[in-house]
Amino acid sequence: MKELFLIIGAPGSGKTTDASLIAQADATNITHYSTGDLLRAEVASGSELGKTIDSFISKGNLVPLDVVINTIVYALKAAPTKTIIIDGYPRSVEQMMEFDKVLSEQNEICLKGVIEVRVSEEVAKERVLGRNRGADDNEEVFYNRMKVYTEPLNEILDFYQKKKLHFIIDGERTIEPIVADMKELIKKNSKYIRRKNEFKQNQNRRYSK
């Protein structure tokens, strides 16, 4: 069974960078997917579906649920490792409920944790508007994206808190302690990574004797 960790956070929280660094440092055990990257790859392909997706992403709005679910499920099935990180999902209560339903109807994927990288709106705005990354990073779109993120947030957090899957990381620090905390959370809740670490420790003890 594959283990899934969802990373959520406001625009500018650094969730994608954090998850990417963790996967890069442990590529044999962890695969990282960003829903944003998966959807943008479709946009870059120039397909009709990509054009439809772009009409939503460019305005900071949500991509239709069926497109997001299909993208995520395909990525999970194709993942080369047992432990998978997906950031930027869920972004709505509807997405959360539909994804929970999909997971409950199968026995190949187990959700092990939902890690929230928490930052204030002020910090998020400063980071996003300071990036100068593209046309979608203007102030009006930022506030739209924040609204899309914050409106369903309490209900999403409450849902995962009741399942004892919700974890919070302070995202306003430098990247090193954030990544270290996230890595530790994943290690504690991933039986595959924990077993591999225990095996390595046992091997080291044998060689040191």
N, C-alpha and C. Protein backbone atom coordinates (compact mmCIF):
# COMPACT_ATOMS: atom_id res chain seq x y z
N MET A 1 0.84 -1.20 0.00
CA MET A 1 0.00 0.00 0.00
C MET A 1 0.88 1.26 0.00
N LYS A 2 0.48 2.24 -0.79
CA LYS A 2 1.22 3.50 -0.84
C LYS A 2 0.72 4.44 0.24
N GLU A 3 1.65 5.27 0.74
CA GLU A 3 1.34 6.23 1.79
C GLU A 3 1.33 7.63 1.19
N LEU A 4 0.27 8.38 1.50
CA LEU A 4 0.10 9.71 0.92
C LEU A 4 0.11 10.78 2.00
N PHE A 5 0.86 11.85 1.74
CA PHE A 5 0.85 13.04 2.59
C PHE A 5 0.42 14.22 1.74
N LEU A 6 -0.58 14.96 2.21
CA LEU A 6 -1.03 16.16 1.53
C LEU A 6 -0.44 17.38 2.22
N ILE A 7 0.09 18.32 1.44
CA ILE A 7 0.67 19.55 1.98
C ILE A 7 -0.20 20.72 1.53
N ILE A 8 -0.76 21.45 2.49
CA ILE A 8 -1.61 22.59 2.15
C ILE A 8 -1.02 23.87 2.75
N GLY A 9 -1.39 24.99 2.15
CA GLY A 9 -0.90 26.27 2.62
C GLY A 9 -1.33 27.38 1.68
N ALA A 10 -1.32 28.59 2.18
CA ALA A 10 -1.71 29.75 1.38
C ALA A 10 -0.72 29.96 0.24
N PRO A 11 -1.13 30.71 -0.80
CA PRO A 11 -0.15 31.09 -1.82
C PRO A 11 0.98 31.85 -1.15
N GLY A 12 2.22 31.48 -1.48
CA GLY A 12 3.36 32.12 -0.84
C GLY A 12 3.82 31.45 0.43
N SER A 13 3.16 30.36 0.83
CA SER A 13 3.55 29.67 2.06
C SER A 13 4.83 28.88 1.89
N GLY A 14 5.19 28.57 0.65
CA GLY A 14 6.41 27.80 0.39
C GLY A 14 6.19 26.30 0.36
N LYS A 15 4.93 25.87 0.37
CA LYS A 15 4.63 24.44 0.46
C LYS A 15 5.23 23.62 -0.67
N THR A 16 5.21 24.15 -1.90
CA THR A 16 5.75 23.40 -3.04
C THR A 16 7.26 23.25 -2.93
N THR A 17 7.94 24.33 -2.57
CA THR A 17 9.40 24.28 -2.40
C THR A 17 9.79 23.32 -1.29
N ASP A 18 9.08 23.38 -0.17
CA ASP A 18 9.37 22.50 0.97
C ASP A 18 9.25 21.03 0.57
N ALA A 19 8.13 20.70 -0.06
CA ALA A 19 7.87 19.31 -0.46
C ALA A 19 8.89 18.84 -1.49
N SER A 20 9.24 19.72 -2.41
CA SER A 20 10.21 19.38 -3.45
C SER A 20 11.58 19.07 -2.86
N LEU A 21 12.01 19.87 -1.90
CA LEU A 21 13.32 19.66 -1.27
C LEU A 21 13.37 18.34 -0.52
N ILE A 22 12.28 17.99 0.15
CA ILE A 22 12.23 16.73 0.90
C ILE A 22 12.33 15.55 -0.05
N ALA A 23 11.59 15.60 -1.15
CA ALA A 23 11.62 14.50 -2.12
C ALA A 23 12.98 14.40 -2.80
N GLN A 24 13.59 15.53 -3.12
CA GLN A 24 14.91 15.51 -3.76
C GLN A 24 15.96 14.89 -2.84
N ALA A 25 15.83 15.14 -1.55
CA ALA A 25 16.81 14.62 -0.59
C ALA A 25 16.62 13.14 -0.30
N ASP A 26 15.46 12.60 -0.65
CA ASP A 26 15.17 11.18 -0.37
C ASP A 26 14.40 10.58 -1.53
N ALA A 27 14.95 10.71 -2.73
CA ALA A 27 14.26 10.32 -3.96
C ALA A 27 13.95 8.84 -4.05
N THR A 28 14.71 8.00 -3.35
CA THR A 28 14.46 6.56 -3.40
C THR A 28 13.23 6.17 -2.58
N ASN A 29 12.81 7.05 -1.67
CA ASN A 29 11.67 6.74 -0.80
C ASN A 29 10.45 7.61 -1.03
N ILE A 30 10.67 8.84 -1.53
CA ILE A 30 9.57 9.81 -1.60
C ILE A 30 9.44 10.40 -3.00
N THR A 31 8.19 10.45 -3.48
CA THR A 31 7.87 11.12 -4.74
C THR A 31 7.00 12.34 -4.44
N HIS A 32 7.32 13.47 -5.06
CA HIS A 32 6.55 14.69 -4.85
C HIS A 32 5.83 15.10 -6.12
N TYR A 33 4.54 15.40 -5.97
CA TYR A 33 3.76 15.96 -7.06
C TYR A 33 3.08 17.23 -6.57
N SER A 34 3.04 18.23 -7.41
CA SER A 34 2.27 19.44 -7.14
C SER A 34 1.09 19.46 -8.09
N THR A 35 -0.10 19.62 -7.55
CA THR A 35 -1.27 19.67 -8.43
C THR A 35 -1.13 20.82 -9.43
N GLY A 36 -0.54 21.92 -8.95
CA GLY A 36 -0.33 23.06 -9.84
C GLY A 36 0.57 22.70 -11.01
N ASP A 37 1.68 22.00 -10.72
CA ASP A 37 2.61 21.60 -11.78
C ASP A 37 1.97 20.63 -12.75
N LEU A 38 1.20 19.69 -12.23
CA LEU A 38 0.54 18.71 -13.08
C LEU A 38 -0.46 19.38 -14.03
N LEU A 39 -1.19 20.35 -13.49
CA LEU A 39 -2.16 21.06 -14.32
C LEU A 39 -1.47 22.00 -15.31
N ARG A 40 -0.40 22.66 -14.85
CA ARG A 40 0.32 23.57 -15.76
C ARG A 40 1.00 22.81 -16.89
N ALA A 41 1.40 21.56 -16.63
CA ALA A 41 1.99 20.75 -17.68
C ALA A 41 0.98 20.50 -18.79
N GLU A 42 -0.27 20.32 -18.39
CA GLU A 42 -1.33 20.13 -19.39
C GLU A 42 -1.56 21.43 -20.18
N VAL A 43 -1.49 22.56 -19.48
CA VAL A 43 -1.63 23.85 -20.16
C VAL A 43 -0.51 24.03 -21.18
N ALA A 44 0.72 23.69 -20.77
CA ALA A 44 1.88 23.85 -21.65
C ALA A 44 1.79 22.96 -22.88
N SER A 45 1.05 21.86 -22.78
CA SER A 45 0.92 20.95 -23.92
C SER A 45 0.10 21.57 -25.05
N GLY A 46 -0.69 22.61 -24.73
CA GLY A 46 -1.49 23.27 -25.75
C GLY A 46 -2.76 22.54 -26.12
N SER A 47 -3.12 21.52 -25.37
CA SER A 47 -4.33 20.75 -25.66
C SER A 47 -5.57 21.56 -25.34
N GLU A 48 -6.72 21.08 -25.80
CA GLU A 48 -7.98 21.76 -25.50
C GLU A 48 -8.24 21.74 -23.99
N LEU A 49 -7.92 20.61 -23.36
CA LEU A 49 -8.06 20.52 -21.91
C LEU A 49 -7.16 21.53 -21.23
N GLY A 50 -5.94 21.67 -21.76
CA GLY A 50 -4.99 22.64 -21.21
C GLY A 50 -5.51 24.06 -21.31
N LYS A 51 -6.17 24.38 -22.42
CA LYS A 51 -6.73 25.73 -22.60
C LYS A 51 -7.85 25.98 -21.59
N THR A 52 -8.64 24.94 -21.34
CA THR A 52 -9.71 25.07 -20.35
C THR A 52 -9.14 25.29 -18.96
N ILE A 53 -8.11 24.50 -18.63
CA ILE A 53 -7.45 24.64 -17.33
C ILE A 53 -6.87 26.05 -17.18
N ASP A 54 -6.25 26.56 -18.24
CA ASP A 54 -5.60 27.87 -18.21
C ASP A 54 -6.60 28.98 -17.92
N SER A 55 -7.83 28.83 -18.42
CA SER A 55 -8.85 29.85 -18.21
C SER A 55 -9.20 29.99 -16.74
N PHE A 56 -8.98 28.94 -15.97
CA PHE A 56 -9.22 28.99 -14.53
C PHE A 56 -7.97 29.44 -13.77
N ILE A 57 -6.82 28.81 -14.08
CA ILE A 57 -5.58 29.10 -13.36
C ILE A 57 -5.17 30.57 -13.50
N SER A 58 -5.29 31.12 -14.70
CA SER A 58 -4.84 32.49 -14.95
C SER A 58 -5.62 33.52 -14.15
N LYS A 59 -6.82 33.16 -13.70
CA LYS A 59 -7.64 34.07 -12.89
C LYS A 59 -7.58 33.72 -11.41
N GLY A 60 -6.83 32.68 -11.06
CA GLY A 60 -6.73 32.27 -9.67
C GLY A 60 -7.92 31.49 -9.18
N ASN A 61 -8.73 30.95 -10.10
CA ASN A 61 -9.91 30.18 -9.74
C ASN A 61 -9.62 28.69 -9.73
N LEU A 62 -10.54 27.92 -9.17
CA LEU A 62 -10.38 26.48 -9.07
C LEU A 62 -10.60 25.79 -10.41
N VAL A 63 -9.79 24.79 -10.67
CA VAL A 63 -9.97 23.93 -11.85
C VAL A 63 -11.10 22.96 -11.53
N PRO A 64 -11.93 22.58 -12.52
CA PRO A 64 -13.05 21.66 -12.28
C PRO A 64 -12.62 20.39 -11.55
N LEU A 65 -13.49 19.93 -10.67
CA LEU A 65 -13.18 18.83 -9.77
C LEU A 65 -12.77 17.55 -10.49
N ASP A 66 -13.48 17.18 -11.54
CA ASP A 66 -13.17 15.91 -12.21
C ASP A 66 -11.77 15.94 -12.82
N VAL A 67 -11.34 17.10 -13.31
CA VAL A 67 -10.00 17.23 -13.89
C VAL A 67 -8.94 17.06 -12.81
N VAL A 68 -9.14 17.69 -11.67
CA VAL A 68 -8.18 17.60 -10.57
C VAL A 68 -8.08 16.17 -10.04
N ILE A 69 -9.22 15.55 -9.79
CA ILE A 69 -9.24 14.18 -9.26
C ILE A 69 -8.54 13.22 -10.21
N ASN A 70 -8.87 13.30 -11.48
CA ASN A 70 -8.25 12.41 -12.47
C ASN A 70 -6.74 12.61 -12.53
N THR A 71 -6.31 13.87 -12.44
CA THR A 71 -4.88 14.18 -12.47
C THR A 71 -4.16 13.56 -11.27
N ILE A 72 -4.75 13.70 -10.10
CA ILE A 72 -4.13 13.18 -8.88
C ILE A 72 -4.10 11.66 -8.87
N VAL A 73 -5.20 11.03 -9.20
CA VAL A 73 -5.27 9.57 -9.18
C VAL A 73 -4.25 8.96 -10.14
N TYR A 74 -4.13 9.55 -11.32
CA TYR A 74 -3.14 9.06 -12.28
C TYR A 74 -1.73 9.18 -11.71
N ALA A 75 -1.45 10.31 -11.07
CA ALA A 75 -0.11 10.53 -10.50
C ALA A 75 0.19 9.53 -9.40
N LEU A 76 -0.78 9.25 -8.56
CA LEU A 76 -0.58 8.29 -7.47
C LEU A 76 -0.30 6.89 -8.00
N LYS A 77 -1.05 6.49 -9.00
CA LYS A 77 -0.86 5.15 -9.56
C LYS A 77 0.49 5.02 -10.26
N ALA A 78 0.97 6.13 -10.82
CA ALA A 78 2.23 6.08 -11.57
C ALA A 78 3.46 6.32 -10.69
N ALA A 79 3.25 6.65 -9.43
CA ALA A 79 4.37 6.99 -8.54
C ALA A 79 5.33 5.82 -8.38
N PRO A 80 6.64 6.07 -8.47
CA PRO A 80 7.64 5.00 -8.37
C PRO A 80 8.01 4.62 -6.94
N THR A 81 7.51 5.37 -5.95
CA THR A 81 7.86 5.09 -4.56
C THR A 81 6.62 4.78 -3.73
N LYS A 82 6.84 4.25 -2.53
CA LYS A 82 5.74 3.90 -1.63
C LYS A 82 5.17 5.13 -0.94
N THR A 83 6.01 6.13 -0.72
CA THR A 83 5.57 7.35 -0.03
C THR A 83 5.47 8.49 -1.02
N ILE A 84 4.33 9.19 -0.99
CA ILE A 84 4.05 10.24 -1.97
C ILE A 84 3.61 11.51 -1.25
N ILE A 85 4.12 12.64 -1.72
CA ILE A 85 3.70 13.95 -1.22
C ILE A 85 2.99 14.68 -2.35
N ILE A 86 1.80 15.19 -2.06
CA ILE A 86 1.10 16.05 -3.03
C ILE A 86 0.81 17.38 -2.35
N ASP A 87 1.25 18.47 -2.96
CA ASP A 87 0.95 19.77 -2.36
C ASP A 87 -0.11 20.51 -3.17
N GLY A 88 -0.80 21.41 -2.49
CA GLY A 88 -1.83 22.21 -3.16
C GLY A 88 -3.16 21.51 -3.29
N TYR A 89 -3.41 20.53 -2.43
CA TYR A 89 -4.68 19.79 -2.49
C TYR A 89 -5.01 19.24 -1.12
N PRO A 90 -6.30 19.32 -0.68
CA PRO A 90 -7.46 19.85 -1.41
C PRO A 90 -7.59 21.36 -1.26
N ARG A 91 -8.30 21.96 -2.21
CA ARG A 91 -8.50 23.41 -2.19
C ARG A 91 -9.95 23.79 -1.96
N SER A 92 -10.81 22.82 -1.82
CA SER A 92 -12.22 23.08 -1.54
C SER A 92 -12.79 21.91 -0.75
N VAL A 93 -13.92 22.15 -0.09
CA VAL A 93 -14.59 21.08 0.65
C VAL A 93 -15.04 19.99 -0.31
N GLU A 94 -15.51 20.40 -1.47
CA GLU A 94 -15.96 19.43 -2.47
C GLU A 94 -14.81 18.53 -2.91
N GLN A 95 -13.64 19.12 -3.17
CA GLN A 95 -12.46 18.32 -3.53
C GLN A 95 -12.11 17.35 -2.41
N MET A 96 -12.13 17.85 -1.19
CA MET A 96 -11.78 17.03 -0.04
C MET A 96 -12.72 15.83 0.10
N MET A 97 -14.02 16.08 0.02
CA MET A 97 -14.99 15.01 0.19
C MET A 97 -14.91 13.99 -0.94
N GLU A 98 -14.73 14.47 -2.16
CA GLU A 98 -14.65 13.55 -3.30
C GLU A 98 -13.38 12.71 -3.22
N PHE A 99 -12.28 13.34 -2.83
CA PHE A 99 -11.03 12.59 -2.72
C PHE A 99 -11.10 11.58 -1.58
N ASP A 100 -11.71 11.97 -0.46
CA ASP A 100 -11.89 11.05 0.66
C ASP A 100 -12.73 9.85 0.23
N LYS A 101 -13.74 10.10 -0.58
CA LYS A 101 -14.59 9.02 -1.09
C LYS A 101 -13.78 8.08 -1.97
N VAL A 102 -12.95 8.65 -2.87
CA VAL A 102 -12.11 7.83 -3.75
C VAL A 102 -11.17 6.96 -2.93
N LEU A 103 -10.54 7.54 -1.91
CA LEU A 103 -9.61 6.78 -1.08
C LEU A 103 -10.31 5.68 -0.30
N SER A 104 -11.53 5.95 0.16
CA SER A 104 -12.26 4.96 0.96
C SER A 104 -12.75 3.78 0.13
N GLU A 105 -12.79 3.95 -1.19
CA GLU A 105 -13.29 2.89 -2.07
C GLU A 105 -12.18 2.01 -2.62
N GLN A 106 -10.96 2.20 -2.16
CA GLN A 106 -9.84 1.40 -2.64
C GLN A 106 -8.92 1.05 -1.47
N ASN A 107 -7.99 0.14 -1.69
CA ASN A 107 -7.07 -0.26 -0.62
C ASN A 107 -5.61 -0.20 -1.06
N GLU A 108 -5.33 0.64 -2.07
CA GLU A 108 -3.96 0.78 -2.57
C GLU A 108 -3.24 2.00 -2.01
N ILE A 109 -4.01 2.99 -1.54
CA ILE A 109 -3.44 4.25 -1.06
C ILE A 109 -4.01 4.58 0.31
N CYS A 110 -3.13 4.94 1.24
CA CYS A 110 -3.56 5.31 2.59
C CYS A 110 -3.10 6.73 2.89
N LEU A 111 -4.03 7.61 3.24
CA LEU A 111 -3.67 8.98 3.61
C LEU A 111 -3.11 8.97 5.03
N LYS A 112 -1.85 9.39 5.17
CA LYS A 112 -1.16 9.33 6.46
C LYS A 112 -1.09 10.67 7.18
N GLY A 113 -1.28 11.77 6.44
CA GLY A 113 -1.21 13.06 7.10
C GLY A 113 -1.53 14.21 6.16
N VAL A 114 -2.07 15.28 6.74
CA VAL A 114 -2.32 16.53 6.01
C VAL A 114 -1.53 17.61 6.74
N ILE A 115 -0.46 18.08 6.12
CA ILE A 115 0.45 19.03 6.76
C ILE A 115 0.15 20.44 6.27
N GLU A 116 -0.23 21.30 7.20
CA GLU A 116 -0.53 22.70 6.87
C GLU A 116 0.69 23.57 7.14
N VAL A 117 1.19 24.22 6.09
CA VAL A 117 2.29 25.18 6.25
C VAL A 117 1.64 26.54 6.47
N ARG A 118 1.62 26.99 7.71
CA ARG A 118 0.82 28.15 8.09
C ARG A 118 1.63 29.45 8.04
N VAL A 119 1.10 30.44 7.31
CA VAL A 119 1.68 31.79 7.26
C VAL A 119 0.55 32.80 7.33
N SER A 120 0.86 34.02 7.77
CA SER A 120 -0.14 35.08 7.80
C SER A 120 -0.39 35.61 6.39
N GLU A 121 -1.50 36.32 6.22
CA GLU A 121 -1.80 36.90 4.91
C GLU A 121 -0.75 37.94 4.53
N GLU A 122 -0.24 38.67 5.52
CA GLU A 122 0.77 39.70 5.24
C GLU A 122 2.04 39.08 4.67
N VAL A 123 2.49 37.99 5.28
CA VAL A 123 3.70 37.31 4.81
C VAL A 123 3.46 36.71 3.43
N ALA A 124 2.30 36.10 3.26
CA ALA A 124 1.98 35.49 1.96
C ALA A 124 1.98 36.54 0.85
N LYS A 125 1.36 37.70 1.11
CA LYS A 125 1.30 38.76 0.12
C LYS A 125 2.69 39.27 -0.23
N GLU A 126 3.50 39.50 0.78
CA GLU A 126 4.86 40.00 0.55
C GLU A 126 5.66 39.03 -0.31
N ARG A 127 5.51 37.74 -0.05
CA ARG A 127 6.25 36.74 -0.81
C ARG A 127 5.76 36.65 -2.25
N VAL A 128 4.45 36.61 -2.43
CA VAL A 128 3.88 36.44 -3.77
C VAL A 128 4.16 37.66 -4.64
N LEU A 129 3.88 38.85 -4.13
CA LEU A 129 4.05 40.05 -4.95
C LEU A 129 5.52 40.41 -5.13
N GLY A 130 6.38 39.83 -4.31
CA GLY A 130 7.81 40.08 -4.46
C GLY A 130 8.50 39.14 -5.42
N ARG A 131 7.74 38.13 -5.90
CA ARG A 131 8.35 37.13 -6.77
C ARG A 131 8.47 37.60 -8.21
N ASN A 132 7.51 38.48 -8.63
CA ASN A 132 7.50 38.95 -10.02
C ASN A 132 7.58 37.78 -11.01
N ARG A 133 6.80 36.74 -10.72
CA ARG A 133 6.93 35.52 -11.50
C ARG A 133 6.14 35.55 -12.81
N GLY A 134 4.99 36.21 -12.79
CA GLY A 134 4.21 36.19 -14.02
C GLY A 134 2.97 37.05 -13.91
N ALA A 135 2.15 37.02 -14.96
CA ALA A 135 0.98 37.87 -15.02
C ALA A 135 -0.06 37.53 -13.96
N ASP A 136 -0.02 36.28 -13.45
CA ASP A 136 -1.03 35.88 -12.47
C ASP A 136 -0.68 36.35 -11.05
N ASP A 137 0.48 36.99 -10.88
CA ASP A 137 0.93 37.38 -9.55
C ASP A 137 0.70 38.86 -9.25
N ASN A 138 -0.42 39.43 -9.70
CA ASN A 138 -0.73 40.80 -9.32
C ASN A 138 -1.61 40.80 -8.07
N GLU A 139 -1.79 41.98 -7.49
CA GLU A 139 -2.46 42.08 -6.19
C GLU A 139 -3.90 41.58 -6.23
N GLU A 140 -4.63 41.93 -7.28
CA GLU A 140 -6.03 41.51 -7.38
C GLU A 140 -6.15 39.99 -7.40
N VAL A 141 -5.29 39.35 -8.19
CA VAL A 141 -5.32 37.89 -8.28
C VAL A 141 -4.87 37.27 -6.96
N PHE A 142 -3.90 37.91 -6.28
CA PHE A 142 -3.46 37.39 -4.99
C PHE A 142 -4.62 37.31 -4.01
N TYR A 143 -5.39 38.40 -3.89
CA TYR A 143 -6.50 38.41 -2.95
C TYR A 143 -7.57 37.40 -3.35
N ASN A 144 -7.74 37.21 -4.65
CA ASN A 144 -8.69 36.20 -5.12
C ASN A 144 -8.22 34.81 -4.71
N ARG A 145 -6.92 34.56 -4.88
CA ARG A 145 -6.35 33.26 -4.51
C ARG A 145 -6.44 33.03 -3.00
N MET A 146 -6.20 34.08 -2.21
CA MET A 146 -6.32 33.96 -0.76
C MET A 146 -7.76 33.64 -0.35
N LYS A 147 -8.70 34.28 -1.03
CA LYS A 147 -10.11 34.03 -0.73
C LYS A 147 -10.48 32.59 -1.04
N VAL A 148 -10.01 32.11 -2.19
CA VAL A 148 -10.26 30.72 -2.58
C VAL A 148 -9.67 29.76 -1.54
N TYR A 149 -8.50 30.12 -1.00
CA TYR A 149 -7.84 29.25 -0.02
C TYR A 149 -8.51 29.30 1.35
N THR A 150 -8.83 30.51 1.83
CA THR A 150 -9.28 30.66 3.21
C THR A 150 -10.76 30.34 3.43
N GLU A 151 -11.61 30.54 2.42
CA GLU A 151 -13.05 30.33 2.62
C GLU A 151 -13.39 28.92 3.11
N PRO A 152 -12.83 27.86 2.50
CA PRO A 152 -13.17 26.52 2.96
C PRO A 152 -12.22 25.97 4.03
N LEU A 153 -11.21 26.76 4.43
CA LEU A 153 -10.11 26.23 5.23
C LEU A 153 -10.56 25.63 6.56
N ASN A 154 -11.42 26.34 7.31
CA ASN A 154 -11.83 25.84 8.62
C ASN A 154 -12.53 24.49 8.52
N GLU A 155 -13.37 24.34 7.52
CA GLU A 155 -14.08 23.06 7.35
C GLU A 155 -13.12 21.94 6.95
N ILE A 156 -12.14 22.27 6.11
CA ILE A 156 -11.14 21.28 5.71
C ILE A 156 -10.30 20.85 6.91
N LEU A 157 -9.84 21.81 7.69
CA LEU A 157 -9.01 21.49 8.85
C LEU A 157 -9.80 20.69 9.88
N ASP A 158 -11.05 21.06 10.10
CA ASP A 158 -11.90 20.35 11.05
C ASP A 158 -12.09 18.89 10.64
N PHE A 159 -12.27 18.67 9.35
CA PHE A 159 -12.47 17.32 8.81
C PHE A 159 -11.26 16.44 9.10
N TYR A 160 -10.08 16.97 8.81
CA TYR A 160 -8.86 16.17 9.00
C TYR A 160 -8.43 16.09 10.46
N GLN A 161 -8.79 17.11 11.25
CA GLN A 161 -8.50 17.04 12.69
C GLN A 161 -9.28 15.91 13.34
N LYS A 162 -10.52 15.73 12.93
CA LYS A 162 -11.34 14.64 13.47
C LYS A 162 -10.78 13.28 13.11
N LYS A 163 -10.09 13.20 11.98
CA LYS A 163 -9.44 11.96 11.57
C LYS A 163 -8.04 11.82 12.16
N LYS A 164 -7.62 12.84 12.94
CA LYS A 164 -6.28 12.87 13.55
C LYS A 164 -5.17 12.83 12.50
N LEU A 165 -5.41 13.54 11.40
CA LEU A 165 -4.44 13.57 10.30
C LEU A 165 -3.83 14.95 10.09
N HIS A 166 -4.31 15.95 10.83
CA HIS A 166 -3.88 17.34 10.60
C HIS A 166 -2.66 17.70 11.44
N PHE A 167 -1.64 18.24 10.77
CA PHE A 167 -0.43 18.71 11.44
C PHE A 167 -0.13 20.13 10.98
N ILE A 168 0.41 20.97 11.87
CA ILE A 168 0.72 22.36 11.54
C ILE A 168 2.22 22.61 11.62
N ILE A 169 2.74 23.30 10.61
CA ILE A 169 4.14 23.73 10.61
C ILE A 169 4.17 25.24 10.43
N ASP A 170 4.98 25.92 11.22
CA ASP A 170 5.14 27.37 11.11
C ASP A 170 5.93 27.69 9.85
N GLY A 171 5.25 28.27 8.85
CA GLY A 171 5.88 28.55 7.57
C GLY A 171 6.54 29.91 7.47
N GLU A 172 6.61 30.65 8.57
CA GLU A 172 7.18 32.00 8.53
C GLU A 172 8.66 32.02 8.92
N ARG A 173 9.22 30.87 9.15
CA ARG A 173 10.65 30.77 9.48
C ARG A 173 11.47 30.61 8.21
N THR A 174 12.78 30.48 8.38
CA THR A 174 13.63 30.18 7.23
C THR A 174 13.35 28.76 6.76
N ILE A 175 13.77 28.46 5.56
CA ILE A 175 13.38 27.21 4.94
C ILE A 175 13.96 25.97 5.63
N GLU A 176 15.15 26.08 6.21
CA GLU A 176 15.80 24.90 6.81
C GLU A 176 14.98 24.28 7.93
N PRO A 177 14.54 25.04 8.95
CA PRO A 177 13.75 24.41 10.01
C PRO A 177 12.37 23.94 9.54
N ILE A 178 11.81 24.62 8.55
CA ILE A 178 10.51 24.20 8.01
C ILE A 178 10.64 22.83 7.37
N VAL A 179 11.64 22.67 6.51
CA VAL A 179 11.87 21.39 5.84
C VAL A 179 12.21 20.31 6.86
N ALA A 180 13.00 20.65 7.86
CA ALA A 180 13.37 19.67 8.89
C ALA A 180 12.14 19.17 9.65
N ASP A 181 11.24 20.09 10.00
CA ASP A 181 10.02 19.71 10.72
C ASP A 181 9.11 18.84 9.86
N MET A 182 8.98 19.22 8.58
CA MET A 182 8.14 18.46 7.67
C MET A 182 8.71 17.06 7.46
N LYS A 183 10.01 17.00 7.31
CA LYS A 183 10.68 15.71 7.11
C LYS A 183 10.46 14.79 8.32
N GLU A 184 10.55 15.37 9.51
CA GLU A 184 10.36 14.59 10.74
C GLU A 184 8.92 14.08 10.86
N LEU A 185 7.95 14.92 10.51
CA LEU A 185 6.55 14.51 10.53
C LEU A 185 6.30 13.34 9.59
N ILE A 186 6.84 13.44 8.40
CA ILE A 186 6.66 12.37 7.41
C ILE A 186 7.33 11.09 7.89
N LYS A 187 8.53 11.22 8.44
CA LYS A 187 9.26 10.04 8.92
C LYS A 187 8.49 9.35 10.04
N LYS A 188 7.93 10.13 10.97
CA LYS A 188 7.20 9.56 12.09
C LYS A 188 5.94 8.82 11.65
N ASN A 189 5.32 9.29 10.58
CA ASN A 189 4.03 8.74 10.16
C ASN A 189 4.11 7.82 8.95
N SER A 190 5.30 7.59 8.44
CA SER A 190 5.49 6.67 7.31
C SER A 190 6.15 5.39 7.79
N LYS A 191 5.43 4.29 7.74
CA LYS A 191 6.01 3.03 8.23
C LYS A 191 7.13 2.55 7.31
N TYR A 192 7.05 2.87 6.02
CA TYR A 192 8.08 2.43 5.08
C TYR A 192 9.41 3.12 5.36
N ILE A 193 9.36 4.44 5.53
CA ILE A 193 10.58 5.19 5.80
C ILE A 193 11.13 4.82 7.17
N ARG A 194 10.23 4.65 8.14
CA ARG A 194 10.65 4.27 9.49
C ARG A 194 11.36 2.91 9.49
N ARG A 195 10.79 1.96 8.75
CA ARG A 195 11.41 0.63 8.67
C ARG A 195 12.77 0.68 8.00
N LYS A 196 12.88 1.48 6.94
CA LYS A 196 14.17 1.59 6.24
C LYS A 196 15.22 2.22 7.14
N ASN A 197 14.81 3.23 7.90
CA ASN A 197 15.75 3.87 8.82
C ASN A 197 16.20 2.91 9.92
N GLU A 198 15.25 2.11 10.43
CA GLU A 198 15.59 1.13 11.46
C GLU A 198 16.54 0.07 10.90
N PHE A 199 16.28 -0.33 9.65
CA PHE A 199 17.15 -1.32 9.02
C PHE A 199 18.58 -0.78 8.88
N LYS A 200 18.68 0.48 8.44
CA LYS A 200 20.01 1.10 8.28
C LYS A 200 20.73 1.20 9.62
N GLN A 201 19.98 1.56 10.67
CA GLN A 201 20.58 1.68 11.99
C GLN A 201 21.10 0.33 12.48
N ASN A 202 20.32 -0.73 12.24
CA ASN A 202 20.74 -2.07 12.64
C ASN A 202 21.98 -2.51 11.88
N GLN A 203 22.01 -2.17 10.59
CA GLN A 203 23.18 -2.51 9.78
C GLN A 203 24.42 -1.78 10.28
N ASN A 204 24.25 -0.51 10.61
CA ASN A 204 25.38 0.28 11.11
C ASN A 204 25.91 -0.27 12.43
N ARG A 205 24.98 -0.73 13.28
CA ARG A 205 25.40 -1.31 14.56
C ARG A 205 26.23 -2.57 14.35
N ARG A 206 25.80 -3.37 13.38
CA ARG A 206 26.51 -4.62 13.10
C ARG A 206 27.93 -4.34 12.61
N TYR A 207 28.03 -3.36 11.70
CA TYR A 207 29.35 -3.05 11.14
C TYR A 207 30.27 -2.38 12.15
N SER A 208 29.67 -1.70 13.13
CA SER A 208 30.48 -0.98 14.12
C SER A 208 31.02 -1.90 15.22
N LYS A 209 30.49 -3.12 15.28
CA LYS A 209 30.95 -4.06 16.32
C LYS A 209 32.29 -4.68 15.95
